[in-house]
Amino acid sequence: MSITRRNLALLGAASAATLAMPSVVRAQAARTIRYTHFQPGRLDQPKHAAALAFKSTVEGLTGGRLRVEIFPAGQLGPAPQVMEQLRLGSLEMAVVHDGGIAGTYAPYQVFSLPFVWETQTTAWRVLDGAFGAEMAEDMRRRANIRLLAHADNGVRHFTNNRRPIVTPDDLRGLKIRVQPSPVFVRLVESLGASASAIDWGELPAALAQGTVDGQENGVTNILAGSLFQHQRHITLNGHVYSLHAYLMSDRFWNRLGADERAAVAQGTEIAKVIHRGMTTAQDANAEPILRERGMTVQRLTSAQIDAFRQRAQPAVREWLEREIGREWVDKLVAATRAATQPA
C-alpha cells in the first residue's frame, strides 16, 4: 500500500489550517451538529482525531454558529440505528463503517469485492472521482443521506487463536466473526470457514469466551478493540479495503446556508485527510505494531495472496451481482481499471 505525496502534504497542513481559518459570524442562534463515530474517544484513534479537527474547523469558520458535539464509541447506538436516525433527520452526522451502511443503502456493499484495490492511491482516485460522486448522489436520492466523503477503515486481514493461516485451506474448520453484513458472510464461507455475524461491541467478549476462533479487521480496529489480547495469529492477506463514510442527514444539510455548507465541506476534507493518513500509517506498519503486542504475523507473497483472490473474488462478485445488480460491480471494476492507467 502507498500514500501519495499530495496527501502527505495535506496531512501535514491540516492542523495548521484549523488555526488559521477566518471566522464567519452571523446573528442567528447557534445550532448543534451531533456527530457520532464508533472508535474510542482517544487521539490515537483516526476517527476521533478527525472528528476533533472537523469540530475545530466548522466552529471556527462559522464563528461558533454551528457547534459540534462528538459522541465516540457508538454512544448513540449501533450502526443500523444511527443510519436510521440519519435517514429520518433525527441525527445530524455520523462516520459509519461499510458493513453498517449496507442495511440502509445496499449498493455500498460493492466495496466489499475482495482484492479489488492494491494501493491507497488507486482507492482514493476511485472514491474521490466520478464513481464516488455517482454513488453519493444515489445514496442521497434513495436514502435521504448525504455522503460527504470516504475514509479508510483499514485493510482487512484474518486473525485467529488456533493456527497460522498461509493458504485458504488453513481457514477450513475455523469459526470467523464478521460484521453483520451478508457479503462478509459470503466472503468467509467462500474460503471454507464458518462465518458468525457479531456486532462490533460484542466482538472482544466473543473472542475472549471462544465463541469464535478468529475475526477479520484492519490494524486500526484491532488496536481500538484490543483484539490482540485474544488473538495469537494474524495473516496480512488484505482481502478487503474497508471504508468509513462521512454521512450527514440530507434534511439537516438542506437547512444550512451556503457559508455553513462550505464550512462543513472544508471540515470534512481536513478530517478525511487526517483519518486516511493515520489509518494508512497503521496499515503500513502492521507487522511491527502487532508483533510488539505479542501476535505472530504471516506476511504473504503475491502468489499466496493470489490464491485467496482466486477463491474469494468470483464467489463474492457473483453474490454482489445478484444482490445489488451487475451495474455497480462493473462500474467499480471499470473505475479501478481507469485509476490504474498511467496519466
C-alpha atoms as a PDB file:
ATOM      1  CA  MET A   1       0.000   0.000   0.000  1.00  0.00           C
ATOM      2  CA  SER A   2       1.215   3.526  -0.731  1.00  0.00           C
ATOM      3  CA  ILE A   3       0.340   7.088   0.214  1.00  0.00           C
ATOM      4  CA  THR A   4       0.696   9.949  -2.248  1.00  0.00           C
ATOM      5  CA  ARG A   5       2.998  12.921  -1.705  1.00  0.00           C
ATOM      6  CA  ARG A   6      -0.006  15.224  -2.102  1.00  0.00           C
ATOM      7  CA  ASN A   7      -1.869  13.575   0.755  1.00  0.00           C
ATOM      8  CA  LEU A   8       1.176  13.651   2.985  1.00  0.00           C
ATOM      9  CA  ALA A   9       1.367  17.402   2.378  1.00  0.00           C
ATOM     10  CA  LEU A  10      -2.333  17.805   3.135  1.00  0.00           C
ATOM     11  CA  LEU A  11      -1.979  15.797   6.319  1.00  0.00           C
ATOM     12  CA  GLY A  12       0.915  17.952   7.449  1.00  0.00           C
ATOM     13  CA  ALA A  13      -1.046  21.137   6.760  1.00  0.00           C
ATOM     14  CA  ALA A  14      -4.296  20.035   8.356  1.00  0.00           C
ATOM     15  CA  SER A  15      -3.598  21.046  11.942  1.00  0.00           C
ATOM     16  CA  ALA A  16      -2.207  24.412  10.870  1.00  0.00           C
ATOM     17  CA  ALA A  17      -5.262  25.046   8.719  1.00  0.00           C
ATOM     18  CA  THR A  18      -7.647  24.883  11.654  1.00  0.00           C
ATOM     19  CA  LEU A  19      -5.667  27.568  13.487  1.00  0.00           C
ATOM     20  CA  ALA A  20      -5.504  29.973  10.557  1.00  0.00           C
ATOM     21  CA  MET A  21      -9.153  29.926   9.440  1.00  0.00           C
ATOM     22  CA  PRO A  22     -11.168  33.168   9.475  1.00  0.00           C
ATOM     23  CA  SER A  23     -14.401  33.347  11.429  1.00  0.00           C
ATOM     24  CA  VAL A  24     -17.757  33.977   9.829  1.00  0.00           C
ATOM     25  CA  VAL A  25     -20.011  35.483  12.461  1.00  0.00           C
ATOM     26  CA  ARG A  26     -23.727  35.663  11.874  1.00  0.00           C
ATOM     27  CA  ALA A  27     -26.574  36.800  14.051  1.00  0.00           C
ATOM     28  CA  GLN A  28     -28.692  33.649  14.144  1.00  0.00           C
ATOM     29  CA  ALA A  29     -28.759  31.401  17.192  1.00  0.00           C
ATOM     30  CA  ALA A  30     -26.162  28.634  17.324  1.00  0.00           C
ATOM     31  CA  ARG A  31     -27.166  25.176  16.113  1.00  0.00           C
ATOM     32  CA  THR A  32     -25.626  21.856  17.066  1.00  0.00           C
ATOM     33  CA  ILE A  33     -24.249  19.090  14.859  1.00  0.00           C
ATOM     34  CA  ARG A  34     -24.355  15.870  16.848  1.00  0.00           C
ATOM     35  CA  TYR A  35     -21.528  13.791  15.384  1.00  0.00           C
ATOM     36  CA  THR A  36     -21.089  10.135  16.306  1.00  0.00           C
ATOM     37  CA  HIS A  37     -18.492   7.511  15.421  1.00  0.00           C
ATOM     38  CA  PHE A  38     -17.518   4.050  16.644  1.00  0.00           C
ATOM     39  CA  GLN A  39     -13.895   4.270  17.811  1.00  0.00           C
ATOM     40  CA  PRO A  40     -12.755   5.147  21.339  1.00  0.00           C
ATOM     41  CA  GLY A  41     -12.564   8.844  22.144  1.00  0.00           C
ATOM     42  CA  ARG A  42      -8.765   8.968  22.097  1.00  0.00           C
ATOM     43  CA  LEU A  43      -6.372  10.972  19.966  1.00  0.00           C
ATOM     44  CA  ASP A  44      -4.586   7.811  18.802  1.00  0.00           C
ATOM     45  CA  GLN A  45      -7.822   6.737  17.077  1.00  0.00           C
ATOM     46  CA  PRO A  46      -8.192   8.049  13.487  1.00  0.00           C
ATOM     47  CA  LYS A  47     -11.953   8.591  13.722  1.00  0.00           C
ATOM     48  CA  HIS A  48     -11.664  10.650  16.882  1.00  0.00           C
ATOM     49  CA  ALA A  49      -8.657  12.721  15.820  1.00  0.00           C
ATOM     50  CA  ALA A  50     -10.504  13.506  12.593  1.00  0.00           C
ATOM     51  CA  ALA A  51     -13.696  14.368  14.496  1.00  0.00           C
ATOM     52  CA  LEU A  52     -11.850  16.890  16.659  1.00  0.00           C
ATOM     53  CA  ALA A  53     -10.380  18.509  13.541  1.00  0.00           C
ATOM     54  CA  PHE A  54     -13.856  18.709  11.994  1.00  0.00           C
ATOM     55  CA  LYS A  55     -15.196  20.360  15.142  1.00  0.00           C
ATOM     56  CA  SER A  56     -12.384  22.930  15.263  1.00  0.00           C
ATOM     57  CA  THR A  57     -12.758  23.769  11.575  1.00  0.00           C
ATOM     58  CA  VAL A  58     -16.555  24.115  11.471  1.00  0.00           C
ATOM     59  CA  GLU A  59     -16.860  26.070  14.686  1.00  0.00           C
ATOM     60  CA  GLY A  60     -14.016  28.360  13.616  1.00  0.00           C
ATOM     61  CA  LEU A  61     -15.356  29.049  10.144  1.00  0.00           C
ATOM     62  CA  THR A  62     -18.874  29.785  11.407  1.00  0.00           C
ATOM     63  CA  GLY A  63     -17.819  31.796  14.419  1.00  0.00           C
ATOM     64  CA  GLY A  64     -19.468  29.235  16.669  1.00  0.00           C
ATOM     65  CA  ARG A  65     -22.855  29.489  14.965  1.00  0.00           C
ATOM     66  CA  LEU A  66     -22.518  25.784  14.196  1.00  0.00           C
ATOM     67  CA  ARG A  67     -21.432  23.834  17.243  1.00  0.00           C
ATOM     68  CA  VAL A  68     -20.220  20.240  17.056  1.00  0.00           C
ATOM     69  CA  GLU A  69     -20.834  17.703  19.826  1.00  0.00           C
ATOM     70  CA  ILE A  70     -18.860  14.471  19.375  1.00  0.00           C
ATOM     71  CA  PHE A  71     -20.185  11.119  20.613  1.00  0.00           C
ATOM     72  CA  PRO A  72     -17.441   8.481  20.215  1.00  0.00           C
ATOM     73  CA  ALA A  73     -17.519   4.724  20.801  1.00  0.00           C
ATOM     74  CA  GLY A  74     -21.044   4.208  19.479  1.00  0.00           C
ATOM     75  CA  GLN A  75     -22.644   6.249  22.270  1.00  0.00           C
ATOM     76  CA  LEU A  76     -25.730   6.985  20.150  1.00  0.00           C
ATOM     77  CA  GLY A  77     -26.390   3.353  19.313  1.00  0.00           C
ATOM     78  CA  PRO A  78     -25.263   0.652  16.864  1.00  0.00           C
ATOM     79  CA  ALA A  79     -24.732   1.392  13.184  1.00  0.00           C
ATOM     80  CA  PRO A  80     -28.208   0.336  11.924  1.00  0.00           C
ATOM     81  CA  GLN A  81     -29.851   2.645  14.462  1.00  0.00           C
ATOM     82  CA  VAL A  82     -27.508   5.501  13.573  1.00  0.00           C
ATOM     83  CA  MET A  83     -28.228   5.046   9.868  1.00  0.00           C
ATOM     84  CA  GLU A  84     -31.978   5.164  10.529  1.00  0.00           C
ATOM     85  CA  GLN A  85     -31.562   8.361  12.560  1.00  0.00           C
ATOM     86  CA  LEU A  86     -29.646   9.954   9.683  1.00  0.00           C
ATOM     87  CA  ARG A  87     -32.310   8.876   7.209  1.00  0.00           C
ATOM     88  CA  LEU A  88     -35.104  10.350   9.307  1.00  0.00           C
ATOM     89  CA  GLY A  89     -33.176  13.523  10.124  1.00  0.00           C
ATOM     90  CA  SER A  90     -33.125  12.921  13.901  1.00  0.00           C
ATOM     91  CA  LEU A  91     -29.289  12.838  13.872  1.00  0.00           C
ATOM     92  CA  GLU A  92     -27.105  15.298  12.026  1.00  0.00           C
ATOM     93  CA  MET A  93     -23.838  13.464  11.269  1.00  0.00           C
ATOM     94  CA  ALA A  94     -22.037  10.149  11.671  1.00  0.00           C
ATOM     95  CA  VAL A  95     -18.962   8.322  10.443  1.00  0.00           C
ATOM     96  CA  VAL A  96     -20.055   4.747   9.770  1.00  0.00           C
ATOM     97  CA  HIS A  97     -18.184   1.628   8.651  1.00  0.00           C
ATOM     98  CA  ASP A  98     -19.038  -0.099   5.383  1.00  0.00           C
ATOM     99  CA  GLY A  99     -20.865  -3.064   6.904  1.00  0.00           C
ATOM    100  CA  GLY A 100     -23.056  -0.769   8.984  1.00  0.00           C
ATOM    101  CA  ILE A 101     -24.188   1.158   5.916  1.00  0.00           C
ATOM    102  CA  ALA A 102     -25.351  -1.851   3.921  1.00  0.00           C
ATOM    103  CA  GLY A 103     -28.693  -2.330   5.677  1.00  0.00           C
ATOM    104  CA  THR A 104     -29.814   1.169   4.726  1.00  0.00           C
ATOM    105  CA  TYR A 105     -28.015   1.553   1.397  1.00  0.00           C
ATOM    106  CA  ALA A 106     -27.268  -1.832  -0.149  1.00  0.00           C
ATOM    107  CA  PRO A 107     -25.034  -0.703  -3.072  1.00  0.00           C
ATOM    108  CA  TYR A 108     -22.297   0.267  -0.584  1.00  0.00           C
ATOM    109  CA  GLN A 109     -21.569  -3.452  -0.328  1.00  0.00           C
ATOM    110  CA  VAL A 110     -19.816  -3.223  -3.703  1.00  0.00           C
ATOM    111  CA  PHE A 111     -16.695  -2.038  -1.867  1.00  0.00           C
ATOM    112  CA  SER A 112     -16.510  -5.476  -0.241  1.00  0.00           C
ATOM    113  CA  LEU A 113     -15.421  -7.032  -3.532  1.00  0.00           C
ATOM    114  CA  PRO A 114     -12.194  -8.680  -2.319  1.00  0.00           C
ATOM    115  CA  PHE A 115      -8.746  -7.750  -3.627  1.00  0.00           C
ATOM    116  CA  VAL A 116     -10.113  -5.016  -5.919  1.00  0.00           C
ATOM    117  CA  TRP A 117      -7.581  -2.325  -4.875  1.00  0.00           C
ATOM    118  CA  GLU A 118      -3.858  -2.890  -4.369  1.00  0.00           C
ATOM    119  CA  THR A 119      -2.868   0.621  -3.231  1.00  0.00           C
ATOM    120  CA  GLN A 120      -4.333   3.571  -1.385  1.00  0.00           C
ATOM    121  CA  THR A 121      -3.642   5.705  -4.441  1.00  0.00           C
ATOM    122  CA  THR A 122      -5.988   3.602  -6.568  1.00  0.00           C
ATOM    123  CA  ALA A 123      -8.684   3.514  -3.887  1.00  0.00           C
ATOM    124  CA  TRP A 124      -8.644   7.265  -3.341  1.00  0.00           C
ATOM    125  CA  ARG A 125      -8.791   8.026  -7.047  1.00  0.00           C
ATOM    126  CA  VAL A 126     -11.910   5.895  -7.368  1.00  0.00           C
ATOM    127  CA  LEU A 127     -13.565   7.176  -4.199  1.00  0.00           C
ATOM    128  CA  ASP A 128     -12.814  10.855  -4.874  1.00  0.00           C
ATOM    129  CA  GLY A 129     -13.668  10.649  -8.576  1.00  0.00           C
ATOM    130  CA  ALA A 130     -16.755  10.204 -10.720  1.00  0.00           C
ATOM    131  CA  PHE A 131     -17.647   6.796  -9.266  1.00  0.00           C
ATOM    132  CA  GLY A 132     -17.716   8.153  -5.723  1.00  0.00           C
ATOM    133  CA  ALA A 133     -19.755  11.174  -6.790  1.00  0.00           C
ATOM    134  CA  GLU A 134     -22.318   8.990  -8.566  1.00  0.00           C
ATOM    135  CA  MET A 135     -22.728   6.770  -5.504  1.00  0.00           C
ATOM    136  CA  ALA A 136     -23.090   9.809  -3.232  1.00  0.00           C
ATOM    137  CA  GLU A 137     -25.936  11.179  -5.345  1.00  0.00           C
ATOM    138  CA  ASP A 138     -27.631   7.783  -5.459  1.00  0.00           C
ATOM    139  CA  MET A 139     -27.437   7.465  -1.664  1.00  0.00           C
ATOM    140  CA  ARG A 140     -28.872  10.964  -1.220  1.00  0.00           C
ATOM    141  CA  ARG A 141     -31.743  10.215  -3.564  1.00  0.00           C
ATOM    142  CA  ARG A 142     -32.573   6.751  -2.210  1.00  0.00           C
ATOM    143  CA  ALA A 143     -31.742   7.036   1.499  1.00  0.00           C
ATOM    144  CA  ASN A 144     -32.014  10.775   2.257  1.00  0.00           C
ATOM    145  CA  ILE A 145     -28.395  10.691   3.495  1.00  0.00           C
ATOM    146  CA  ARG A 146     -25.632  12.880   2.099  1.00  0.00           C
ATOM    147  CA  LEU A 147     -22.312  11.059   1.620  1.00  0.00           C
ATOM    148  CA  LEU A 148     -19.690  13.763   2.218  1.00  0.00           C
ATOM    149  CA  ALA A 149     -16.503  11.700   1.939  1.00  0.00           C
ATOM    150  CA  HIS A 150     -14.913   8.267   2.244  1.00  0.00           C
ATOM    151  CA  ALA A 151     -12.028   7.499   4.608  1.00  0.00           C
ATOM    152  CA  ASP A 152     -10.102   4.322   5.372  1.00  0.00           C
ATOM    153  CA  ASN A 153     -11.241   1.721   7.885  1.00  0.00           C
ATOM    154  CA  GLY A 154      -8.034  -0.227   7.334  1.00  0.00           C
ATOM    155  CA  VAL A 155      -7.070  -3.053   5.029  1.00  0.00           C
ATOM    156  CA  ARG A 156      -8.736  -6.153   6.442  1.00  0.00           C
ATOM    157  CA  HIS A 157      -6.767  -9.246   7.494  1.00  0.00           C
ATOM    158  CA  PHE A 158      -7.598 -12.547   9.174  1.00  0.00           C
ATOM    159  CA  THR A 159      -6.708 -13.202  12.805  1.00  0.00           C
ATOM    160  CA  ASN A 160      -7.335 -16.318  14.862  1.00  0.00           C
ATOM    161  CA  ASN A 161      -6.291 -18.057  18.038  1.00  0.00           C
ATOM    162  CA  ARG A 162      -5.677 -21.574  16.702  1.00  0.00           C
ATOM    163  CA  ARG A 163      -3.064 -21.649  13.937  1.00  0.00           C
ATOM    164  CA  PRO A 164      -1.183 -19.583  11.350  1.00  0.00           C
ATOM    165  CA  ILE A 165      -3.100 -19.034   8.085  1.00  0.00           C
ATOM    166  CA  VAL A 166      -0.987 -19.135   4.936  1.00  0.00           C
ATOM    167  CA  THR A 167      -3.360 -20.674   2.393  1.00  0.00           C
ATOM    168  CA  PRO A 168      -7.174 -20.549   2.036  1.00  0.00           C
ATOM    169  CA  ASP A 169      -7.318 -24.180   3.155  1.00  0.00           C
ATOM    170  CA  ASP A 170      -5.919 -23.141   6.529  1.00  0.00           C
ATOM    171  CA  LEU A 171      -9.256 -21.418   7.209  1.00  0.00           C
ATOM    172  CA  ARG A 172     -11.235 -24.656   6.985  1.00  0.00           C
ATOM    173  CA  GLY A 173     -12.888 -25.577  10.262  1.00  0.00           C
ATOM    174  CA  LEU A 174     -12.401 -22.140  11.836  1.00  0.00           C
ATOM    175  CA  LYS A 175     -15.258 -20.021  13.165  1.00  0.00           C
ATOM    176  CA  ILE A 176     -14.633 -16.457  11.984  1.00  0.00           C
ATOM    177  CA  ARG A 177     -16.525 -13.406  13.212  1.00  0.00           C
ATOM    178  CA  VAL A 178     -17.688 -10.994  10.522  1.00  0.00           C
ATOM    179  CA  GLN A 179     -19.516  -7.703  10.827  1.00  0.00           C
ATOM    180  CA  PRO A 180     -23.306  -8.019  10.412  1.00  0.00           C
ATOM    181  CA  SER A 181     -23.279  -7.776   6.630  1.00  0.00           C
ATOM    182  CA  PRO A 182     -24.168 -10.746   4.399  1.00  0.00           C
ATOM    183  CA  VAL A 183     -21.442 -10.013   1.854  1.00  0.00           C
ATOM    184  CA  PHE A 184     -18.797 -10.667   4.520  1.00  0.00           C
ATOM    185  CA  VAL A 185     -20.512 -13.939   5.387  1.00  0.00           C
ATOM    186  CA  ARG A 186     -20.244 -14.925   1.723  1.00  0.00           C
ATOM    187  CA  LEU A 187     -16.560 -13.945   1.591  1.00  0.00           C
ATOM    188  CA  VAL A 188     -15.551 -16.002   4.625  1.00  0.00           C
ATOM    189  CA  GLU A 189     -17.604 -19.007   3.583  1.00  0.00           C
ATOM    190  CA  SER A 190     -16.050 -18.918   0.090  1.00  0.00           C
ATOM    191  CA  LEU A 191     -12.705 -19.554   1.803  1.00  0.00           C
ATOM    192  CA  GLY A 192     -14.011 -22.567   3.719  1.00  0.00           C
ATOM    193  CA  ALA A 193     -14.506 -21.079   7.179  1.00  0.00           C
ATOM    194  CA  SER A 194     -17.723 -20.758   9.163  1.00  0.00           C
ATOM    195  CA  ALA A 195     -18.930 -17.157   9.470  1.00  0.00           C
ATOM    196  CA  SER A 196     -20.622 -15.697  12.554  1.00  0.00           C
ATOM    197  CA  ALA A 197     -22.130 -12.203  12.286  1.00  0.00           C
ATOM    198  CA  ILE A 198     -21.397 -10.400  15.569  1.00  0.00           C
ATOM    199  CA  ASP A 199     -21.743  -6.683  16.292  1.00  0.00           C
ATOM    200  CA  TRP A 200     -18.524  -4.755  16.935  1.00  0.00           C
ATOM    201  CA  GLY A 201     -19.395  -4.016  20.557  1.00  0.00           C
ATOM    202  CA  GLU A 202     -19.744  -7.730  21.304  1.00  0.00           C
ATOM    203  CA  LEU A 203     -16.613  -8.868  19.488  1.00  0.00           C
ATOM    204  CA  PRO A 204     -13.995  -8.702  22.297  1.00  0.00           C
ATOM    205  CA  ALA A 205     -16.195 -10.813  24.571  1.00  0.00           C
ATOM    206  CA  ALA A 206     -16.885 -13.316  21.765  1.00  0.00           C
ATOM    207  CA  LEU A 207     -13.143 -13.754  21.226  1.00  0.00           C
ATOM    208  CA  ALA A 208     -12.362 -13.949  24.942  1.00  0.00           C
ATOM    209  CA  GLN A 209     -15.043 -16.582  25.517  1.00  0.00           C
ATOM    210  CA  GLY A 210     -14.059 -18.640  22.471  1.00  0.00           C
ATOM    211  CA  THR A 211     -17.446 -18.184  20.776  1.00  0.00           C
ATOM    212  CA  VAL A 212     -15.419 -17.715  17.587  1.00  0.00           C
ATOM    213  CA  ASP A 213     -11.843 -18.683  16.758  1.00  0.00           C
ATOM    214  CA  GLY A 214     -10.994 -15.534  14.864  1.00  0.00           C
ATOM    215  CA  GLN A 215     -12.146 -12.445  13.022  1.00  0.00           C
ATOM    216  CA  GLU A 216     -11.138 -10.138  10.187  1.00  0.00           C
ATOM    217  CA  ASN A 217     -10.274  -6.459  10.587  1.00  0.00           C
ATOM    218  CA  GLY A 218      -7.677  -3.811   9.902  1.00  0.00           C
ATOM    219  CA  VAL A 219      -4.902  -2.801  12.290  1.00  0.00           C
ATOM    220  CA  THR A 220      -6.801   0.297  13.450  1.00  0.00           C
ATOM    221  CA  ASN A 221      -9.730  -1.757  14.706  1.00  0.00           C
ATOM    222  CA  ILE A 222      -7.512  -4.467  16.181  1.00  0.00           C
ATOM    223  CA  LEU A 223      -5.885  -1.740  18.282  1.00  0.00           C
ATOM    224  CA  ALA A 224      -9.160   0.073  19.050  1.00  0.00           C
ATOM    225  CA  GLY A 225     -10.752  -3.101  20.431  1.00  0.00           C
ATOM    226  CA  SER A 226      -7.541  -4.531  21.939  1.00  0.00           C
ATOM    227  CA  LEU A 227      -8.310  -7.673  19.944  1.00  0.00           C
ATOM    228  CA  PHE A 228      -4.645  -8.716  20.130  1.00  0.00           C
ATOM    229  CA  GLN A 229      -5.333  -9.711  23.738  1.00  0.00           C
ATOM    230  CA  HIS A 230      -7.453 -12.606  22.490  1.00  0.00           C
ATOM    231  CA  GLN A 231      -5.809 -13.474  19.134  1.00  0.00           C
ATOM    232  CA  ARG A 232      -2.395 -15.080  18.628  1.00  0.00           C
ATOM    233  CA  HIS A 233      -2.072 -15.089  14.839  1.00  0.00           C
ATOM    234  CA  ILE A 234      -2.628 -12.567  12.037  1.00  0.00           C
ATOM    235  CA  THR A 235      -2.225 -13.085   8.298  1.00  0.00           C
ATOM    236  CA  LEU A 236      -1.601  -9.934   6.252  1.00  0.00           C
ATOM    237  CA  ASN A 237      -3.610 -11.032   3.236  1.00  0.00           C
ATOM    238  CA  GLY A 238      -5.509  -7.736   2.773  1.00  0.00           C
ATOM    239  CA  HIS A 239      -8.715  -9.250   1.438  1.00  0.00           C
ATOM    240  CA  VAL A 240     -10.889  -6.106   1.638  1.00  0.00           C
ATOM    241  CA  TYR A 241     -10.055  -2.403   1.567  1.00  0.00           C
ATOM    242  CA  SER A 242     -12.504  -1.358   4.259  1.00  0.00           C
ATOM    243  CA  LEU A 243     -14.093   2.087   4.438  1.00  0.00           C
ATOM    244  CA  HIS A 244     -15.663   4.637   6.723  1.00  0.00           C
ATOM    245  CA  ALA A 245     -18.175   7.052   5.228  1.00  0.00           C
ATOM    246  CA  TYR A 246     -18.725  10.623   6.438  1.00  0.00           C
ATOM    247  CA  LEU A 247     -22.511  10.945   6.396  1.00  0.00           C
ATOM    248  CA  MET A 248     -24.906  13.814   7.080  1.00  0.00           C
ATOM    249  CA  SER A 249     -28.669  13.916   7.191  1.00  0.00           C
ATOM    250  CA  ASP A 250     -29.801  15.479   3.918  1.00  0.00           C
ATOM    251  CA  ARG A 251     -32.607  17.223   5.789  1.00  0.00           C
ATOM    252  CA  PHE A 252     -30.085  18.938   8.034  1.00  0.00           C
ATOM    253  CA  TRP A 253     -27.812  19.818   5.090  1.00  0.00           C
ATOM    254  CA  ASN A 254     -30.718  21.479   3.306  1.00  0.00           C
ATOM    255  CA  ARG A 255     -31.288  23.766   6.309  1.00  0.00           C
ATOM    256  CA  LEU A 256     -27.704  25.068   6.161  1.00  0.00           C
ATOM    257  CA  GLY A 257     -26.737  28.324   4.487  1.00  0.00           C
ATOM    258  CA  ALA A 258     -24.116  28.448   1.745  1.00  0.00           C
ATOM    259  CA  ASP A 259     -21.336  29.518   4.119  1.00  0.00           C
ATOM    260  CA  GLU A 260     -22.274  26.760   6.582  1.00  0.00           C
ATOM    261  CA  ARG A 261     -22.210  24.129   3.852  1.00  0.00           C
ATOM    262  CA  ALA A 262     -18.777  25.383   2.802  1.00  0.00           C
ATOM    263  CA  ALA A 263     -17.570  25.077   6.402  1.00  0.00           C
ATOM    264  CA  VAL A 264     -18.887  21.519   6.679  1.00  0.00           C
ATOM    265  CA  ALA A 265     -17.277  20.594   3.360  1.00  0.00           C
ATOM    266  CA  GLN A 266     -13.904  22.037   4.386  1.00  0.00           C
ATOM    267  CA  GLY A 267     -14.086  20.412   7.808  1.00  0.00           C
ATOM    268  CA  THR A 268     -14.873  17.071   6.214  1.00  0.00           C
ATOM    269  CA  GLU A 269     -11.966  17.363   3.787  1.00  0.00           C
ATOM    270  CA  ILE A 270      -9.497  18.048   6.606  1.00  0.00           C
ATOM    271  CA  ALA A 271     -10.975  15.234   8.705  1.00  0.00           C
ATOM    272  CA  LYS A 272     -10.768  12.840   5.746  1.00  0.00           C
ATOM    273  CA  VAL A 273      -7.075  13.551   5.162  1.00  0.00           C
ATOM    274  CA  ILE A 274      -6.213  13.091   8.844  1.00  0.00           C
ATOM    275  CA  HIS A 275      -8.320   9.931   9.037  1.00  0.00           C
ATOM    276  CA  ARG A 276      -6.767   8.431   5.899  1.00  0.00           C
ATOM    277  CA  GLY A 277      -3.249   9.374   6.937  1.00  0.00           C
ATOM    278  CA  MET A 278      -3.432   7.847  10.409  1.00  0.00           C
ATOM    279  CA  THR A 279      -5.059   4.634   9.178  1.00  0.00           C
ATOM    280  CA  THR A 280      -2.583   4.287   6.307  1.00  0.00           C
ATOM    281  CA  ALA A 281       0.347   4.701   8.699  1.00  0.00           C
ATOM    282  CA  GLN A 282      -1.014   1.902  10.873  1.00  0.00           C
ATOM    283  CA  ASP A 283      -1.592  -0.340   7.846  1.00  0.00           C
ATOM    284  CA  ALA A 284       1.941   0.301   6.593  1.00  0.00           C
ATOM    285  CA  ASN A 285       3.396  -0.609   9.981  1.00  0.00           C
ATOM    286  CA  ALA A 286       1.103  -3.548  10.700  1.00  0.00           C
ATOM    287  CA  GLU A 287       3.867  -6.078  11.209  1.00  0.00           C
ATOM    288  CA  PRO A 288       5.918  -4.261  13.884  1.00  0.00           C
ATOM    289  CA  ILE A 289       2.802  -2.867  15.611  1.00  0.00           C
ATOM    290  CA  LEU A 290       1.205  -6.278  16.053  1.00  0.00           C
ATOM    291  CA  ARG A 291       4.408  -8.201  16.791  1.00  0.00           C
ATOM    292  CA  GLU A 292       5.040  -5.730  19.599  1.00  0.00           C
ATOM    293  CA  ARG A 293       1.660  -6.715  21.034  1.00  0.00           C
ATOM    294  CA  GLY A 294       2.511 -10.408  21.012  1.00  0.00           C
ATOM    295  CA  MET A 295       0.919 -11.606  17.771  1.00  0.00           C
ATOM    296  CA  THR A 296       2.625 -13.875  15.265  1.00  0.00           C
ATOM    297  CA  VAL A 297       2.475 -12.229  11.837  1.00  0.00           C
ATOM    298  CA  GLN A 298       2.284 -14.025   8.478  1.00  0.00           C
ATOM    299  CA  ARG A 299       3.287 -11.754   5.597  1.00  0.00           C
ATOM    300  CA  LEU A 300       2.234 -13.428   2.341  1.00  0.00           C
ATOM    301  CA  THR A 301       3.846 -13.347  -1.091  1.00  0.00           C
ATOM    302  CA  SER A 302       1.939 -12.077  -4.139  1.00  0.00           C
ATOM    303  CA  ALA A 303       1.388 -15.667  -5.258  1.00  0.00           C
ATOM    304  CA  GLN A 304      -0.016 -16.645  -1.872  1.00  0.00           C
ATOM    305  CA  ILE A 305      -2.376 -13.652  -1.871  1.00  0.00           C
ATOM    306  CA  ASP A 306      -3.494 -14.559  -5.377  1.00  0.00           C
ATOM    307  CA  ALA A 307      -4.615 -17.955  -4.072  1.00  0.00           C
ATOM    308  CA  PHE A 308      -7.032 -16.151  -1.738  1.00  0.00           C
ATOM    309  CA  ARG A 309      -8.143 -13.888  -4.590  1.00  0.00           C
ATOM    310  CA  GLN A 310      -8.891 -16.785  -6.930  1.00  0.00           C
ATOM    311  CA  ARG A 311     -11.011 -18.483  -4.275  1.00  0.00           C
ATOM    312  CA  ALA A 312     -12.916 -15.473  -2.921  1.00  0.00           C
ATOM    313  CA  GLN A 313     -13.347 -12.884  -5.655  1.00  0.00           C
ATOM    314  CA  PRO A 314     -15.528 -14.861  -8.124  1.00  0.00           C
ATOM    315  CA  ALA A 315     -17.832 -16.099  -5.361  1.00  0.00           C
ATOM    316  CA  VAL A 316     -18.311 -12.646  -3.839  1.00  0.00           C
ATOM    317  CA  ARG A 317     -18.709 -10.994  -7.238  1.00  0.00           C
ATOM    318  CA  GLU A 318     -21.473 -13.451  -8.142  1.00  0.00           C
ATOM    319  CA  TRP A 319     -23.218 -12.713  -4.852  1.00  0.00           C
ATOM    320  CA  LEU A 320     -22.935  -8.933  -5.328  1.00  0.00           C
ATOM    321  CA  GLU A 321     -24.285  -9.046  -8.860  1.00  0.00           C
ATOM    322  CA  ARG A 322     -27.284 -10.986  -7.639  1.00  0.00           C
ATOM    323  CA  GLU A 323     -27.955  -8.767  -4.630  1.00  0.00           C
ATOM    324  CA  ILE A 324     -27.221  -5.209  -5.813  1.00  0.00           C
ATOM    325  CA  GLY A 325     -27.041  -5.634  -9.584  1.00  0.00           C
ATOM    326  CA  ARG A 326     -24.230  -6.098 -12.039  1.00  0.00           C
ATOM    327  CA  GLU A 327     -24.099  -2.398 -12.925  1.00  0.00           C
ATOM    328  CA  TRP A 328     -22.452  -1.248  -9.694  1.00  0.00           C
ATOM    329  CA  VAL A 329     -19.880  -4.038  -9.812  1.00  0.00           C
ATOM    330  CA  ASP A 330     -18.989  -3.330 -13.448  1.00  0.00           C
ATOM    331  CA  LYS A 331     -18.697   0.393 -12.726  1.00  0.00           C
ATOM    332  CA  LEU A 332     -16.371  -0.201  -9.777  1.00  0.00           C
ATOM    333  CA  VAL A 333     -14.141  -2.518 -11.807  1.00  0.00           C
ATOM    334  CA  ALA A 334     -14.062  -0.047 -14.706  1.00  0.00           C
ATOM    335  CA  ALA A 335     -13.278   2.899 -12.415  1.00  0.00           C
ATOM    336  CA  THR A 336     -10.489   0.881 -10.801  1.00  0.00           C
ATOM    337  CA  ARG A 337      -9.031  -0.018 -14.173  1.00  0.00           C
ATOM    338  CA  ALA A 338      -9.083   3.649 -15.211  1.00  0.00           C
ATOM    339  CA  ALA A 339      -7.459   4.720 -11.941  1.00  0.00           C
ATOM    340  CA  THR A 340      -4.509   2.393 -12.507  1.00  0.00           C
ATOM    341  CA  GLN A 341      -3.754   3.626 -16.035  1.00  0.00           C
ATOM    342  CA  PRO A 342      -0.684   5.856 -16.487  1.00  0.00           C
ATOM    343  CA  ALA A 343      -1.535   9.555 -16.638  1.00  0.00           C
END
